[in-house]
Each structure stands twice: as C-alpha cells, then as structure tokens.
Amino acid sequence: MPPLGVLILYVIIGLVSVGSAVGLLVSRSAIYSALFLVLNFLTVALLYLVLGAPFIALAQISVYAGAIMVLFLFVIMMLGAEKLTESSLRVRGLRVLAIVLGLVFAAEVALFLVVRGGIPAAPAEPRVTFGDPAAVGLMLFQQYTLPFEITSVILLAAMVGAIVLTRGDLKERQARRAALEKKA
C-alpha cells in the first residue's frame, strides 16, 4: 500500500486529468479543446512520475504535449476550424452512433469485470529498471523492432502526404498571386 500522501496526490492528479478530458469534450472552441488536451497530457505525465517512470513521463511531455500539440494547433489554425458553423459540423445519426458505441464500451467493461471476477488487484511493485531509459531502449529495439519500424514508415508517409497537399495549395496561391499582380 502506498503512503497516504502519494495516494492523495494520485487522486488529485487523476481528477484533474478526468476534468481536463471532460473539458476537451464539452468545449465549443477548437483552441480551448486543444489546450485542455495539453493539460490532459501533462497530468498523464505527472501520473507516470508518481508511478516511478520518469523516462515515459518525459517522452509524454516532449512528444505529445510538445510536438503533437503543435501539429494540432497548426492544423486548427490552417483549416480555420473556428470559422466552421455548427450546422456544417452536424452529421446525421452521429449522436445515435455515439450512444451505441458508449453502450458497447460499457458492456465490454462489465464483461471484463465479470470474467476477471471483480476489479483487478493492484500490480506488483515494479522492477528496478521499470521506466529506465536503457531498459526502454533495449525493449524497443529488441522486442518491438517491427512495430517501431512500421510506426516510423507511417509517420514518414504522413509527413510526405502533408508536404504534397501543402505544396499543391502553394502552387495555386502563387498562380492566383501572379494573376492578381498582372491585373494591377
């Protein structure tokens, strides 16, 4: 059983994490939703620190709260998501689909609890090397080499796709600018 102070800290961080996730979902502004997501990423990193995994916490902050959120904010600003009207975002049956998927998720949780015989017990104390950068690196490049390489190829394809899509827009803008300059 962890000390009472660690348990209280864990509960507070968990509540902030859940609160920021709810704020992300109910916020009407895409920018505020992205900021709630940053707060959620930071609280998850704090949970990793409380669990004794400093490397994973640092990776959470640098990769998700840093790089991924910069990308999200760039896309929000580039696409002008704040200018979209609510009627343009409505899709028929989306609310019904969300309710059905929520019920399926609740049924899966109930089935898990029935099959496992209740709430799972707390995990055993982590090994000394849990979250250690050397242990994570060895595991990443020994046991998970193929998924790591597949992920890198997917990210490379996404980056090339984004460049190709942006470049097409760049050519159109240059042609429009040249046409406007000829008129002037």
Protein backbone atom coordinates (compact mmCIF):
# COMPACT_ATOMS: atom_id res chain seq x y z
CA MET A 1 0.00 0.00 0.00
CA PRO A 2 1.49 3.36 -1.00
CA PRO A 3 1.83 6.13 1.58
CA LEU A 4 -1.23 8.32 2.12
CA GLY A 5 0.43 11.41 0.60
CA VAL A 6 1.20 9.58 -2.66
CA LEU A 7 -2.36 8.24 -2.79
CA ILE A 8 -3.83 11.74 -2.28
CA LEU A 9 -1.51 13.14 -4.97
CA TYR A 10 -2.52 10.33 -7.33
CA VAL A 11 -6.24 11.04 -6.75
CA ILE A 12 -5.82 14.81 -7.26
CA ILE A 13 -3.86 14.33 -10.49
CA GLY A 14 -6.42 11.76 -11.66
CA LEU A 15 -9.30 14.16 -11.01
CA VAL A 16 -7.56 16.96 -12.91
CA SER A 17 -6.89 14.53 -15.77
CA VAL A 18 -10.53 13.45 -15.94
CA GLY A 19 -11.68 17.08 -15.63
CA SER A 20 -9.45 18.19 -18.50
CA ALA A 21 -10.72 15.30 -20.63
CA VAL A 22 -14.32 16.37 -19.96
CA GLY A 23 -13.36 19.98 -20.74
CA LEU A 24 -11.85 18.79 -24.01
CA LEU A 25 -15.10 17.11 -24.98
CA VAL A 26 -17.55 19.84 -23.98
CA SER A 27 -15.59 22.88 -25.15
CA ARG A 28 -17.11 24.62 -28.16
CA SER A 29 -13.80 26.19 -29.20
CA ALA A 30 -11.22 24.06 -31.01
CA ILE A 31 -8.39 26.09 -29.47
CA TYR A 32 -9.70 25.57 -25.93
CA SER A 33 -10.15 21.88 -26.66
CA ALA A 34 -6.52 21.68 -27.75
CA LEU A 35 -5.42 23.46 -24.57
CA PHE A 36 -7.48 21.06 -22.45
CA LEU A 37 -5.72 18.23 -24.30
CA VAL A 38 -2.33 19.74 -23.40
CA LEU A 39 -3.40 19.84 -19.75
CA ASN A 40 -4.50 16.21 -20.01
CA PHE A 41 -1.15 15.20 -21.50
CA LEU A 42 0.68 16.98 -18.68
CA THR A 43 -1.39 15.31 -15.96
CA VAL A 44 -0.81 11.91 -17.54
CA ALA A 45 2.93 12.67 -17.47
CA LEU A 46 2.60 13.52 -13.77
CA LEU A 47 0.85 10.18 -13.22
CA TYR A 48 3.82 8.47 -14.87
CA LEU A 49 6.14 10.32 -12.48
CA VAL A 50 4.08 9.22 -9.48
CA LEU A 51 4.30 5.64 -10.77
CA GLY A 52 8.08 5.92 -10.96
CA ALA A 53 8.59 6.09 -14.73
CA PRO A 54 10.48 9.34 -15.39
CA PHE A 55 11.56 8.42 -18.94
CA ILE A 56 7.99 7.74 -20.06
CA ALA A 57 6.85 10.97 -18.37
CA LEU A 58 9.47 12.98 -20.25
CA ALA A 59 8.56 11.28 -23.51
CA GLN A 60 4.88 12.07 -22.83
CA ILE A 61 5.66 15.75 -22.37
CA SER A 62 8.11 16.13 -25.24
CA VAL A 63 6.28 14.04 -27.84
CA TYR A 64 2.61 14.56 -27.06
CA ALA A 65 2.39 17.88 -25.25
CA GLY A 66 5.13 19.31 -27.44
CA ALA A 67 5.25 18.01 -30.99
CA ILE A 68 1.77 16.57 -31.44
CA MET A 69 0.01 19.59 -29.95
CA VAL A 70 2.00 21.99 -32.13
CA LEU A 71 0.80 19.95 -35.09
CA PHE A 72 -2.83 20.03 -33.84
CA LEU A 73 -2.76 23.78 -33.30
CA PHE A 74 -1.16 24.31 -36.71
CA VAL A 75 -3.90 22.27 -38.39
CA ILE A 76 -6.64 24.09 -36.43
CA MET A 77 -5.26 27.46 -37.47
CA MET A 78 -4.57 26.39 -41.06
CA LEU A 79 -8.01 24.92 -41.65
CA GLY A 80 -9.80 27.70 -39.81
CA ALA A 81 -11.78 25.29 -37.62
CA GLU A 82 -13.02 28.20 -35.53
CA LYS A 83 -14.86 29.61 -38.56
CA LEU A 84 -16.95 26.49 -39.17
CA THR A 85 -20.62 26.82 -38.32
CA GLU A 86 -22.31 24.31 -36.08
CA SER A 87 -24.69 23.26 -38.87
CA SER A 88 -21.74 22.37 -41.13
CA LEU A 89 -20.39 20.03 -38.45
CA ARG A 90 -23.60 18.05 -37.93
CA VAL A 91 -23.75 14.57 -39.37
CA ARG A 92 -26.97 12.57 -39.36
CA GLY A 93 -27.06 9.82 -36.76
CA LEU A 94 -23.81 10.80 -35.08
CA ARG A 95 -25.43 11.15 -31.67
CA VAL A 96 -27.08 7.73 -32.01
CA LEU A 97 -23.76 6.19 -33.05
CA ALA A 98 -22.04 7.77 -30.04
CA ILE A 99 -24.68 6.34 -27.68
CA VAL A 100 -24.42 2.88 -29.23
CA LEU A 101 -20.61 2.90 -29.01
CA GLY A 102 -20.81 4.10 -25.39
CA LEU A 103 -23.15 1.23 -24.54
CA VAL A 104 -20.84 -1.25 -26.28
CA PHE A 105 -17.91 0.10 -24.26
CA ALA A 106 -19.90 -0.19 -21.00
CA ALA A 107 -20.82 -3.78 -21.91
CA GLU A 108 -17.15 -4.58 -22.54
CA VAL A 109 -16.17 -3.18 -19.15
CA ALA A 110 -18.95 -5.16 -17.45
CA LEU A 111 -17.90 -8.33 -19.28
CA PHE A 112 -14.28 -7.77 -18.26
CA LEU A 113 -15.26 -7.34 -14.62
CA VAL A 114 -17.43 -10.49 -14.71
CA VAL A 115 -14.77 -12.63 -16.41
CA ARG A 116 -11.98 -11.35 -14.16
CA GLY A 117 -14.08 -11.66 -11.03
CA GLY A 118 -14.10 -8.02 -9.97
CA ILE A 119 -11.76 -5.07 -10.09
CA PRO A 120 -8.20 -6.23 -10.76
CA ALA A 121 -5.77 -6.12 -7.87
CA ALA A 122 -3.02 -3.54 -7.75
CA PRO A 123 0.03 -4.57 -9.78
CA ALA A 124 3.10 -5.85 -8.01
CA GLU A 125 5.91 -3.45 -7.23
CA PRO A 126 7.66 -2.52 -10.47
CA ARG A 127 11.12 -3.81 -11.21
CA VAL A 128 14.06 -1.53 -10.54
CA THR A 129 14.54 -1.00 -14.29
CA PHE A 130 10.90 -0.01 -14.90
CA GLY A 131 10.93 3.20 -16.94
CA ASP A 132 14.73 3.27 -17.08
CA PRO A 133 15.88 4.73 -20.43
CA ALA A 134 18.30 1.86 -21.05
CA ALA A 135 15.61 -0.75 -20.36
CA VAL A 136 13.09 1.05 -22.57
CA GLY A 137 15.65 1.30 -25.39
CA LEU A 138 16.57 -2.37 -25.16
CA MET A 139 12.93 -3.42 -25.14
CA LEU A 140 12.11 -1.07 -28.01
CA PHE A 141 14.89 -2.30 -30.28
CA GLN A 142 14.82 -5.99 -29.28
CA GLN A 143 11.19 -6.97 -28.69
CA TYR A 144 9.34 -4.23 -30.57
CA THR A 145 11.57 -3.60 -33.58
CA LEU A 146 8.92 -4.33 -36.21
CA PRO A 147 6.16 -2.14 -34.69
CA PHE A 148 8.73 0.64 -34.19
CA GLU A 149 9.76 0.48 -37.85
CA ILE A 150 6.16 0.30 -39.07
CA THR A 151 5.33 3.38 -36.99
CA SER A 152 8.26 5.27 -38.47
CA VAL A 153 7.16 4.39 -42.03
CA ILE A 154 3.59 5.52 -41.28
CA LEU A 155 4.83 8.82 -39.85
CA LEU A 156 7.11 9.33 -42.85
CA ALA A 157 4.19 8.68 -45.24
CA ALA A 158 2.02 11.15 -43.31
CA MET A 159 4.74 13.79 -43.47
CA VAL A 160 5.23 13.30 -47.22
CA GLY A 161 1.45 13.46 -47.73
CA ALA A 162 1.19 16.70 -45.77
CA ILE A 163 4.00 18.22 -47.83
CA VAL A 164 2.39 17.14 -51.11
CA LEU A 165 -1.01 18.53 -50.06
CA THR A 166 0.51 21.81 -48.90
CA ARG A 167 2.65 22.14 -52.00
CA GLY A 168 -0.42 21.86 -54.24
CA ASP A 169 -2.03 24.70 -52.32
CA LEU A 170 1.18 26.69 -52.60
CA LYS A 171 1.16 26.41 -56.40
CA GLU A 172 -2.47 27.57 -56.54
CA ARG A 173 -1.70 30.55 -54.31
CA GLN A 174 1.31 31.52 -56.41
CA ALA A 175 -0.78 31.31 -59.60
CA ARG A 176 -3.52 33.48 -58.01
CA ARG A 177 -0.92 35.97 -56.78
CA ALA A 178 0.65 36.16 -60.24
CA ALA A 179 -2.79 36.71 -61.82
CA LEU A 180 -3.57 39.49 -59.32
CA GLU A 181 -0.20 41.14 -59.98
CA LYS A 182 -0.88 41.13 -63.73
CA LYS A 183 -4.23 42.86 -63.17
CA ALA A 184 -2.65 45.54 -61.02
